[in-house]
Amino acid sequence: MEAVVSDTLPTPTPIVIRDGHVLLPDGTSRIIDVVVRDGRIAVVGEDATVVGDEEIIDARDQLVLPGLVDTHRHMWLGSLSAGSSDVTLFSYARQVNEGHGDLFTPEDVYAGVLWGAVQAINAGVTTVADWAHNLGSEADIDANVRALYDSGIRARLYFGGKASSSGDHSRYEAQARHLHATHAPHRVGGRIALGLAVRGPSMATAAENDVEFGLARDLGLPISLHAGMAGLPGAVDQLGSQDLLGPDVNYVHANEFTEQEWKQVAESGGTVSATPTVDMTMGLGALPAVGPALDHGVPVGLGADTVAYGPSDLFTEMRLTLAAERSRANAEPISRGEMPGALRHSHLDMLDLATRGGARVLGFADQIGEIAVGRQADLITLDLSAPHLDSFDNPVLAAFLSAGARDVDTVIVAGRILKRRGTLADSLLRKAHLEVRRSRARIRERSL
């Protein structure tokens, strides 16, 4: 499978999103127009002038939101959707990562990532952090990048790979340098950025931490690691003792960080990715890390983590996060037999986590995450006409409370329409569906 060589897509057609309820950066919504030109937001306002070359999207009875940003998802698992449940982390790893992942060829990587991207796009996720830890060869790497590119999604690809998990540092370094040399962002139109997924202290020795962090910093790539999970304490303390903390480090999960660790993350400028469904149902921690991160001023975003175990949309994650964080905050007065006098966090806070918060975590804060002139045109619209999305006077709240993938009417990434009138682009859907069906048949056959 050939590597990506360049982004040769033509300039996207100008778009006018007309008369939608637009969520603005200040948290209010108004019925206005959004004009997209050259892949960026050109106008946000009333009665936008139409030149005549634009595609008009009638957004009456629709809510216009920034595209959702998923800060932690293993995209290759798209082909193994709903493949596991009711097991803890290490049983899951044996069942899915080893039981199925070890059977993947480059063609299967391509199919899994492409189908995973289709799942995300269909649910209104326009940007993903792809934590790619099932790549065994340079051909696997190329297939992963090609699938992200072909899907049209925006991504930061954190490369870990099987060489990292096996401790084969010479192969890991060679593959990381291949990724960096072959798939630098300018080669894929800036839509796919790179990073390194490292094992971190929970899975690696101090010497191995030095090697992996040193490689990432030599290449100038941000770092992401799983940390702070139940039963695997002390990751931040260990990195701090090795002088490896920094603003380029993203901590996934972070459920069981101590107060000292939270202070170290905050002082070093690190970020956190919370994955509420997996965190709570798999037993990685009692509650998501969102509340403590916000309390310490640490940028935090949400992720679906693995669609083999949980849902593929961020609407579910936002609602679960709000319930969990209010439960955390309400625990003390309830323990005294009292009703809470006030509630912490709001639906707008959760929407911020899934948009601007995610953009900050992934280093895209100046590009995406809000509907403002000059930003990349990563936008979604939700159809508000269904009974479950009806509201008295607050369409944003109605969407937060009840929306799901089925309500996503339009998805635009970098000014290109990937889903319209509730249906994914036919060529993308057919290609991805065909690839994943073939891949699943191959994996089942090999597992016999």
Protein backbone atom coordinates (compact mmCIF):
# COMPACT_ATOMS: atom_id res chain seq x y z
CA MET A 1 0.00 0.00 0.00
CA GLU A 2 1.66 3.19 -1.13
CA ALA A 3 2.46 6.00 1.29
CA VAL A 4 0.80 9.38 1.23
CA VAL A 5 2.77 11.74 -0.98
CA SER A 6 0.77 14.96 -0.95
CA ASP A 7 -2.63 16.43 -0.38
CA THR A 8 -3.73 17.22 -3.93
CA LEU A 9 -7.41 17.80 -3.22
CA PRO A 10 -8.82 20.81 -5.06
CA THR A 11 -9.87 23.94 -3.20
CA PRO A 12 -13.24 23.18 -1.60
CA THR A 13 -16.40 24.82 -2.90
CA PRO A 14 -17.49 27.87 -0.88
CA ILE A 15 -20.38 27.15 1.49
CA VAL A 16 -23.06 29.26 3.12
CA ILE A 17 -24.77 27.70 6.14
CA ARG A 18 -27.96 29.73 6.18
CA ASP A 19 -30.20 30.61 9.15
CA GLY A 20 -28.93 28.02 11.65
CA HIS A 21 -28.84 28.30 15.43
CA VAL A 22 -25.10 28.96 15.70
CA LEU A 23 -23.21 28.29 18.94
CA LEU A 24 -20.86 31.25 19.37
CA PRO A 25 -17.60 31.33 21.36
CA ASP A 26 -19.27 33.14 24.28
CA GLY A 27 -21.72 30.26 24.78
CA THR A 28 -24.75 32.01 23.30
CA SER A 29 -26.53 30.89 20.16
CA ARG A 30 -28.12 33.03 17.47
CA ILE A 31 -29.86 32.43 14.17
CA ILE A 32 -27.23 33.69 11.74
CA ASP A 33 -25.20 32.60 8.70
CA VAL A 34 -21.75 31.03 8.49
CA VAL A 35 -19.76 31.45 5.28
CA VAL A 36 -16.88 29.13 4.42
CA ARG A 37 -14.25 29.99 1.82
CA ASP A 38 -10.94 28.23 1.06
CA GLY A 39 -11.62 25.77 3.86
CA ARG A 40 -11.90 28.45 6.54
CA ILE A 41 -14.68 30.36 8.22
CA ALA A 42 -14.93 33.67 6.39
CA VAL A 43 -18.10 35.25 7.83
CA VAL A 44 -20.24 34.71 10.92
CA GLY A 45 -23.22 37.04 10.87
CA GLU A 46 -26.66 37.91 9.61
CA ASP A 47 -27.70 38.02 5.95
CA ALA A 48 -24.32 37.03 4.57
CA THR A 49 -23.77 38.20 1.02
CA VAL A 50 -23.92 35.42 -1.56
CA VAL A 51 -21.57 35.77 -4.53
CA GLY A 52 -23.13 32.94 -6.48
CA ASP A 53 -20.49 30.22 -6.39
CA GLU A 54 -21.43 28.94 -2.93
CA GLU A 55 -23.21 25.76 -1.96
CA ILE A 56 -26.14 26.77 0.22
CA ILE A 57 -26.97 24.64 3.26
CA ASP A 58 -30.43 25.45 4.59
CA ALA A 59 -29.87 25.19 8.35
CA ARG A 60 -33.31 26.28 9.53
CA ASP A 61 -34.27 24.12 12.52
CA GLN A 62 -30.65 23.05 12.85
CA LEU A 63 -27.98 23.71 15.46
CA VAL A 64 -24.55 24.64 14.11
CA LEU A 65 -21.65 23.58 16.33
CA PRO A 66 -17.88 23.41 16.04
CA GLY A 67 -16.81 19.91 15.02
CA LEU A 68 -16.28 17.69 18.05
CA VAL A 69 -12.70 16.84 19.05
CA ASP A 70 -11.87 13.38 20.41
CA THR A 71 -8.57 13.51 22.30
CA HIS A 72 -8.01 9.76 22.70
CA ARG A 73 -9.19 6.98 20.40
CA HIS A 74 -7.54 3.80 19.11
CA MET A 75 -8.73 4.09 15.53
CA TRP A 76 -7.58 0.67 14.34
CA LEU A 77 -10.24 -0.85 16.61
CA GLY A 78 -12.99 0.47 14.34
CA SER A 79 -13.31 -2.94 12.73
CA LEU A 80 -13.70 -4.60 16.16
CA SER A 81 -16.66 -2.47 17.26
CA ALA A 82 -18.66 -3.92 20.14
CA GLY A 83 -16.18 -6.76 20.35
CA SER A 84 -15.74 -6.79 24.13
CA SER A 85 -17.54 -5.95 27.37
CA ASP A 86 -17.73 -6.88 31.05
CA VAL A 87 -13.98 -7.42 31.40
CA THR A 88 -11.24 -5.44 33.11
CA LEU A 89 -8.27 -3.84 31.37
CA PHE A 90 -5.82 -6.73 31.23
CA SER A 91 -8.49 -9.24 30.18
CA TYR A 92 -9.55 -6.78 27.50
CA ALA A 93 -5.96 -6.43 26.28
CA ARG A 94 -5.57 -10.19 25.99
CA GLN A 95 -8.93 -10.60 24.29
CA VAL A 96 -8.77 -7.69 21.84
CA ASN A 97 -5.26 -6.26 21.47
CA GLU A 98 -3.52 -9.63 21.48
CA GLY A 99 -6.32 -11.98 20.46
CA HIS A 100 -7.30 -9.96 17.39
CA GLY A 101 -4.74 -7.18 16.99
CA ASP A 102 -1.84 -9.55 16.47
CA LEU A 103 -3.65 -10.92 13.40
CA PHE A 104 -3.77 -7.55 11.61
CA THR A 105 -1.99 -7.01 8.29
CA PRO A 106 -1.52 -3.54 6.73
CA GLU A 107 -4.78 -4.09 4.84
CA ASP A 108 -6.56 -4.74 8.14
CA VAL A 109 -5.01 -1.65 9.72
CA TYR A 110 -6.27 0.41 6.79
CA ALA A 111 -9.77 -1.07 7.06
CA GLY A 112 -9.98 -0.63 10.83
CA VAL A 113 -8.77 2.96 10.83
CA LEU A 114 -10.95 3.93 7.85
CA TRP A 115 -14.05 2.40 9.44
CA GLY A 116 -13.13 3.99 12.77
CA ALA A 117 -12.92 7.37 11.05
CA VAL A 118 -16.30 6.80 9.40
CA GLN A 119 -17.79 6.04 12.82
CA ALA A 120 -16.32 9.24 14.23
CA ILE A 121 -17.38 11.45 11.32
CA ASN A 122 -20.89 10.03 11.38
CA ALA A 123 -21.15 11.07 15.04
CA GLY A 124 -19.96 14.64 14.39
CA VAL A 125 -16.34 14.09 15.44
CA THR A 126 -14.19 16.06 13.01
CA THR A 127 -10.84 15.67 14.80
CA VAL A 128 -9.35 12.63 16.54
CA ALA A 129 -6.20 11.81 18.45
CA ASP A 130 -5.40 8.40 16.99
CA TRP A 131 -3.37 6.46 19.58
CA ALA A 132 -1.90 3.92 17.18
CA HIS A 133 -0.46 1.05 19.19
CA ASN A 134 -1.08 -1.88 16.80
CA LEU A 135 1.44 -1.02 14.11
CA GLY A 136 4.10 -3.65 13.59
CA SER A 137 5.78 -2.46 10.40
CA GLU A 138 6.38 0.56 8.21
CA ALA A 139 3.67 -0.80 5.90
CA ASP A 140 1.25 -0.72 8.86
CA ILE A 141 2.23 2.90 9.54
CA ASP A 142 1.67 3.92 5.94
CA ALA A 143 -1.70 2.15 5.91
CA ASN A 144 -2.80 3.97 9.07
CA VAL A 145 -1.88 7.38 7.69
CA ARG A 146 -3.49 6.59 4.33
CA ALA A 147 -6.76 5.62 6.03
CA LEU A 148 -6.89 8.85 8.04
CA TYR A 149 -6.09 10.83 4.91
CA ASP A 150 -8.67 9.03 2.75
CA SER A 151 -11.42 9.49 5.34
CA GLY A 152 -11.17 13.29 5.30
CA ILE A 153 -10.97 13.55 9.09
CA ARG A 154 -8.51 15.80 10.93
CA ALA A 155 -6.17 13.91 13.23
CA ARG A 156 -3.13 13.86 15.43
CA LEU A 157 -1.56 10.43 14.99
CA TYR A 158 0.28 9.33 18.15
CA PHE A 159 2.54 6.52 17.02
CA GLY A 160 3.31 3.80 19.56
CA GLY A 161 3.39 0.58 17.64
CA LYS A 162 4.23 -2.95 18.63
CA ALA A 163 7.95 -2.21 18.74
CA SER A 164 7.34 0.20 21.63
CA SER A 165 5.24 -2.25 23.63
CA SER A 166 7.81 -5.00 23.09
CA GLY A 167 10.71 -2.78 24.16
CA ASP A 168 12.47 -3.08 20.78
CA HIS A 169 13.79 0.47 20.82
CA SER A 170 15.93 0.28 17.70
CA ARG A 171 12.92 -0.79 15.62
CA TYR A 172 10.66 1.70 17.41
CA GLU A 173 13.06 4.55 16.67
CA ALA A 174 13.45 3.51 13.02
CA GLN A 175 9.69 3.36 12.56
CA ALA A 176 9.14 6.68 14.33
CA ARG A 177 11.71 8.34 12.10
CA HIS A 178 10.08 6.77 9.04
CA LEU A 179 6.73 8.22 10.12
CA HIS A 180 8.26 11.63 10.71
CA ALA A 181 10.18 11.69 7.43
CA THR A 182 7.44 10.27 5.24
CA HIS A 183 4.30 11.78 6.71
CA ALA A 184 5.26 15.23 7.98
CA PRO A 185 2.16 17.48 8.21
CA HIS A 186 3.00 19.47 5.07
CA ARG A 187 2.83 16.21 3.12
CA VAL A 188 -0.84 15.72 4.02
CA GLY A 189 -2.08 19.27 3.76
CA GLY A 190 -1.70 19.98 7.46
CA ARG A 191 -4.79 17.89 8.23
CA ILE A 192 -2.80 15.10 9.90
CA ALA A 193 -0.33 16.04 12.62
CA LEU A 194 2.04 13.66 14.36
CA GLY A 195 3.01 12.67 17.89
CA LEU A 196 4.51 9.73 19.80
CA ALA A 197 2.57 7.40 22.09
CA VAL A 198 4.95 6.17 24.78
CA ARG A 199 4.50 3.48 27.40
CA GLY A 200 5.41 5.66 30.37
CA PRO A 201 6.37 4.55 33.90
CA SER A 202 3.40 2.21 34.28
CA MET A 203 4.79 -0.06 31.53
CA ALA A 204 8.45 0.94 31.07
CA THR A 205 11.65 1.30 33.08
CA ALA A 206 13.28 4.63 33.86
CA ALA A 207 15.91 4.00 31.19
CA GLU A 208 13.20 3.21 28.62
CA ASN A 209 11.36 6.41 29.57
CA ASP A 210 14.52 8.39 28.84
CA VAL A 211 14.83 6.76 25.41
CA GLU A 212 11.20 7.25 24.36
CA PHE A 213 10.82 10.81 25.66
CA GLY A 214 14.21 11.71 24.19
CA LEU A 215 13.19 10.39 20.77
CA ALA A 216 9.95 12.39 20.78
CA ARG A 217 11.75 15.57 21.72
CA ASP A 218 14.50 14.98 19.21
CA LEU A 219 11.80 14.76 16.52
CA GLY A 220 9.89 17.72 17.97
CA LEU A 221 6.74 15.65 18.49
CA PRO A 222 4.24 15.85 21.36
CA ILE A 223 3.95 12.88 23.69
CA SER A 224 0.94 10.92 24.96
CA LEU A 225 0.88 8.15 27.57
CA HIS A 226 -1.61 6.17 29.63
CA ALA A 227 -1.20 7.19 33.26
CA GLY A 228 -3.01 7.40 36.58
CA MET A 229 -5.09 4.25 36.19
CA ALA A 230 -6.19 2.23 39.22
CA GLY A 231 -3.46 -0.10 40.38
CA LEU A 232 -0.76 1.65 38.33
CA PRO A 233 0.25 4.63 40.49
CA GLY A 234 3.11 7.08 40.49
CA ALA A 235 3.64 7.80 36.78
CA VAL A 236 3.91 11.57 37.15
CA ASP A 237 6.11 11.31 40.23
CA GLN A 238 8.48 9.04 38.32
CA LEU A 239 8.61 11.31 35.27
CA GLY A 240 9.18 14.28 37.55
CA SER A 241 12.12 12.55 39.21
CA GLN A 242 13.60 12.01 35.74
CA ASP A 243 13.00 15.62 34.70
CA LEU A 244 10.77 14.45 31.82
CA LEU A 245 7.64 16.50 32.54
CA GLY A 246 6.69 19.27 30.13
CA PRO A 247 3.96 21.07 28.19
CA ASP A 248 4.34 18.53 25.38
CA VAL A 249 3.03 15.65 27.54
CA ASN A 250 -0.58 14.41 27.40
CA TYR A 251 -1.79 12.07 30.15
CA VAL A 252 -4.62 9.71 29.19
CA HIS A 253 -7.09 8.70 31.94
CA ALA A 254 -5.39 10.34 34.99
CA ASN A 255 -8.18 9.00 37.22
CA GLU A 256 -6.04 8.30 40.27
CA PHE A 257 -3.49 11.12 40.27
CA THR A 258 -2.49 12.33 43.72
CA GLU A 259 -2.67 15.99 44.66
CA GLN A 260 1.10 16.19 44.25
CA GLU A 261 0.86 14.73 40.75
CA TRP A 262 -1.88 17.15 39.74
CA LYS A 263 0.32 20.05 40.86
CA GLN A 264 3.24 18.71 38.85
CA VAL A 265 1.12 18.33 35.72
CA ALA A 266 -0.26 21.85 36.13
CA GLU A 267 3.12 23.43 36.80
CA SER A 268 4.73 21.66 33.85
CA GLY A 269 1.92 22.66 31.44
CA GLY A 270 0.76 19.11 30.69
CA THR A 271 -2.69 18.14 29.41
CA VAL A 272 -5.20 15.38 30.18
CA SER A 273 -7.51 13.21 28.09
CA ALA A 274 -10.46 11.72 29.98
CA THR A 275 -12.39 8.77 28.57
CA PRO A 276 -15.43 8.59 30.88
CA THR A 277 -17.20 5.49 29.59
CA VAL A 278 -14.11 3.29 29.54
CA ASP A 279 -12.67 4.84 32.71
CA MET A 280 -15.76 4.05 34.75
CA THR A 281 -17.06 0.84 33.20
CA MET A 282 -13.70 -0.89 32.78
CA GLY A 283 -12.60 0.11 36.27
CA LEU A 284 -9.67 2.35 35.37
CA GLY A 285 -10.74 4.77 38.08
CA ALA A 286 -13.66 5.71 40.27
CA LEU A 287 -14.54 8.83 38.27
CA PRO A 288 -13.19 10.66 35.18
CA ALA A 289 -10.36 13.12 35.73
CA VAL A 290 -12.25 16.15 34.41
CA GLY A 291 -13.09 17.83 37.72
CA PRO A 292 -9.58 17.64 39.19
CA ALA A 293 -8.05 18.77 35.89
CA LEU A 294 -10.29 21.83 35.76
CA ASP A 295 -9.67 22.57 39.44
CA HIS A 296 -5.92 22.62 38.77
CA GLY A 297 -6.12 24.59 35.53
CA VAL A 298 -4.99 21.65 33.41
CA PRO A 299 -6.35 21.61 29.83
CA VAL A 300 -8.61 18.56 29.47
CA GLY A 301 -10.55 16.94 26.62
CA LEU A 302 -12.76 13.91 26.14
CA GLY A 303 -12.21 10.69 24.22
CA ALA A 304 -14.13 7.56 23.29
CA ASP A 305 -10.97 5.45 23.70
CA THR A 306 -12.08 2.12 22.17
CA VAL A 307 -15.24 1.41 20.22
CA ALA A 308 -14.59 -2.27 20.91
CA TYR A 309 -15.76 -1.54 24.47
CA GLY A 310 -17.77 1.68 24.37
CA PRO A 311 -19.75 4.10 22.18
CA SER A 312 -18.29 5.98 19.25
CA ASP A 313 -19.83 9.39 19.95
CA LEU A 314 -18.87 12.24 22.27
CA PHE A 315 -22.45 13.23 23.13
CA THR A 316 -22.56 10.17 25.38
CA GLU A 317 -19.19 11.07 26.92
CA MET A 318 -20.29 14.66 27.61
CA ARG A 319 -23.46 13.58 29.41
CA LEU A 320 -21.66 10.92 31.43
CA THR A 321 -18.97 13.43 32.40
CA LEU A 322 -21.51 15.94 33.68
CA ALA A 323 -23.29 13.27 35.73
CA ALA A 324 -20.01 11.95 37.14
CA GLU A 325 -18.57 15.34 38.04
CA ARG A 326 -21.77 16.52 39.68
CA SER A 327 -21.88 13.25 41.59
CA ARG A 328 -18.32 13.91 42.79
CA ALA A 329 -19.18 17.46 43.84
CA ASN A 330 -22.49 16.48 45.45
CA ALA A 331 -21.05 13.63 47.50
CA GLU A 332 -20.08 15.72 50.53
CA PRO A 333 -23.45 17.46 51.20
CA ILE A 334 -25.33 14.25 50.42
CA SER A 335 -23.15 12.38 52.94
CA ARG A 336 -24.37 14.89 55.56
CA GLY A 337 -27.97 14.22 54.56
CA GLU A 338 -28.24 17.60 52.82
CA MET A 339 -29.37 18.66 49.38
CA PRO A 340 -26.56 20.40 47.42
CA GLY A 341 -26.99 24.16 47.51
CA ALA A 342 -25.61 24.57 43.97
CA LEU A 343 -24.51 22.37 41.09
CA ARG A 344 -21.02 22.36 39.59
CA HIS A 345 -20.40 22.48 35.87
CA SER A 346 -22.93 23.02 33.09
CA HIS A 347 -23.80 21.64 29.68
CA LEU A 348 -21.79 24.48 28.13
CA ASP A 349 -18.74 23.41 30.13
CA MET A 350 -19.07 19.90 28.70
CA LEU A 351 -19.49 21.19 25.15
CA ASP A 352 -16.37 23.26 25.70
CA LEU A 353 -14.45 20.12 26.69
CA ALA A 354 -15.53 18.40 23.47
CA THR A 355 -14.59 21.36 21.26
CA ARG A 356 -12.20 24.05 22.51
CA GLY A 357 -10.89 21.86 25.31
CA GLY A 358 -9.99 19.10 22.88
CA ALA A 359 -8.37 21.59 20.53
CA ARG A 360 -6.16 22.87 23.35
CA VAL A 361 -5.15 19.36 24.37
CA LEU A 362 -4.12 18.43 20.81
CA GLY A 363 -2.26 21.67 20.12
CA PHE A 364 -4.88 22.92 17.65
CA ALA A 365 -6.27 25.77 19.76
CA ASP A 366 -5.63 28.39 17.08
CA GLN A 367 -7.17 26.31 14.30
CA ILE A 368 -10.39 24.62 15.46
CA GLY A 369 -12.79 24.35 18.39
CA GLU A 370 -15.00 27.37 17.91
CA ILE A 371 -17.02 29.12 15.23
CA ALA A 372 -15.02 32.25 14.54
CA VAL A 373 -13.64 33.99 11.48
CA GLY A 374 -10.29 32.59 10.38
CA ARG A 375 -10.71 29.18 12.00
CA GLN A 376 -10.63 26.00 9.99
CA ALA A 377 -14.12 25.18 8.74
CA ASP A 378 -14.67 22.08 10.88
CA LEU A 379 -18.40 22.33 11.52
CA ILE A 380 -21.39 20.12 12.21
CA THR A 381 -25.13 20.69 12.19
CA LEU A 382 -27.75 18.80 14.19
CA ASP A 383 -31.30 18.34 12.96
CA LEU A 384 -33.56 19.77 15.68
CA SER A 385 -36.82 18.68 14.06
CA ALA A 386 -37.08 15.32 15.85
CA PRO A 387 -39.29 15.25 18.97
CA HIS A 388 -36.41 14.33 21.29
CA LEU A 389 -34.52 17.50 20.29
CA ASP A 390 -37.44 19.89 20.69
CA SER A 391 -36.84 22.67 23.21
CA PHE A 392 -38.82 25.43 24.83
CA ASP A 393 -36.16 28.03 24.01
CA ASN A 394 -32.71 26.42 24.33
CA PRO A 395 -31.65 24.30 21.35
CA VAL A 396 -28.10 23.95 22.67
CA LEU A 397 -29.32 22.39 25.91
CA ALA A 398 -31.75 20.14 24.02
CA ALA A 399 -28.90 18.86 21.86
CA PHE A 400 -26.67 18.27 24.85
CA LEU A 401 -29.35 16.32 26.71
CA SER A 402 -30.54 14.10 23.88
CA ALA A 403 -28.46 14.24 20.68
CA GLY A 404 -26.59 11.32 19.17
CA ALA A 405 -24.99 10.29 15.91
CA ARG A 406 -28.39 9.84 14.25
CA ASP A 407 -29.07 13.57 14.70
CA VAL A 408 -25.89 14.78 12.98
CA ASP A 409 -27.14 16.19 9.69
CA THR A 410 -24.02 17.78 8.20
CA VAL A 411 -20.29 17.30 8.84
CA ILE A 412 -17.69 19.61 7.32
CA VAL A 413 -13.92 19.21 7.74
CA ALA A 414 -11.56 21.83 6.30
CA GLY A 415 -14.44 23.12 4.19
CA ARG A 416 -15.29 19.72 2.66
CA ILE A 417 -18.70 18.17 3.27
CA LEU A 418 -18.33 14.58 4.51
CA LYS A 419 -21.93 14.08 5.62
CA ARG A 420 -25.03 15.84 4.35
CA ARG A 421 -28.71 15.48 5.09
CA GLY A 422 -27.87 12.76 7.57
CA THR A 423 -25.95 10.57 5.13
CA LEU A 424 -22.22 10.06 4.82
CA ALA A 425 -20.58 10.70 1.46
CA ASP A 426 -21.55 7.65 -0.57
CA SER A 427 -18.10 6.91 -1.96
CA LEU A 428 -16.52 7.03 1.51
CA LEU A 429 -19.21 4.87 3.12
CA ARG A 430 -19.17 2.22 0.39
CA LYS A 431 -15.38 2.01 0.34
CA ALA A 432 -15.08 1.81 4.13
CA HIS A 433 -17.87 -0.74 4.44
CA LEU A 434 -16.33 -2.95 1.79
CA GLU A 435 -12.87 -2.75 3.36
CA VAL A 436 -14.11 -3.58 6.87
CA ARG A 437 -16.24 -6.53 5.71
CA ARG A 438 -13.26 -8.04 3.94
CA SER A 439 -10.99 -7.40 6.90
CA ARG A 440 -13.36 -8.97 9.40
CA ALA A 441 -13.63 -12.08 7.23
CA ARG A 442 -9.83 -12.35 7.10
CA ILE A 443 -9.44 -11.88 10.86
CA ARG A 444 -12.09 -14.47 11.65
CA GLU A 445 -10.45 -16.95 9.29
CA ARG A 446 -7.00 -16.43 10.83
CA SER A 447 -8.36 -16.80 14.37
CA LEU A 448 -9.72 -20.33 13.68
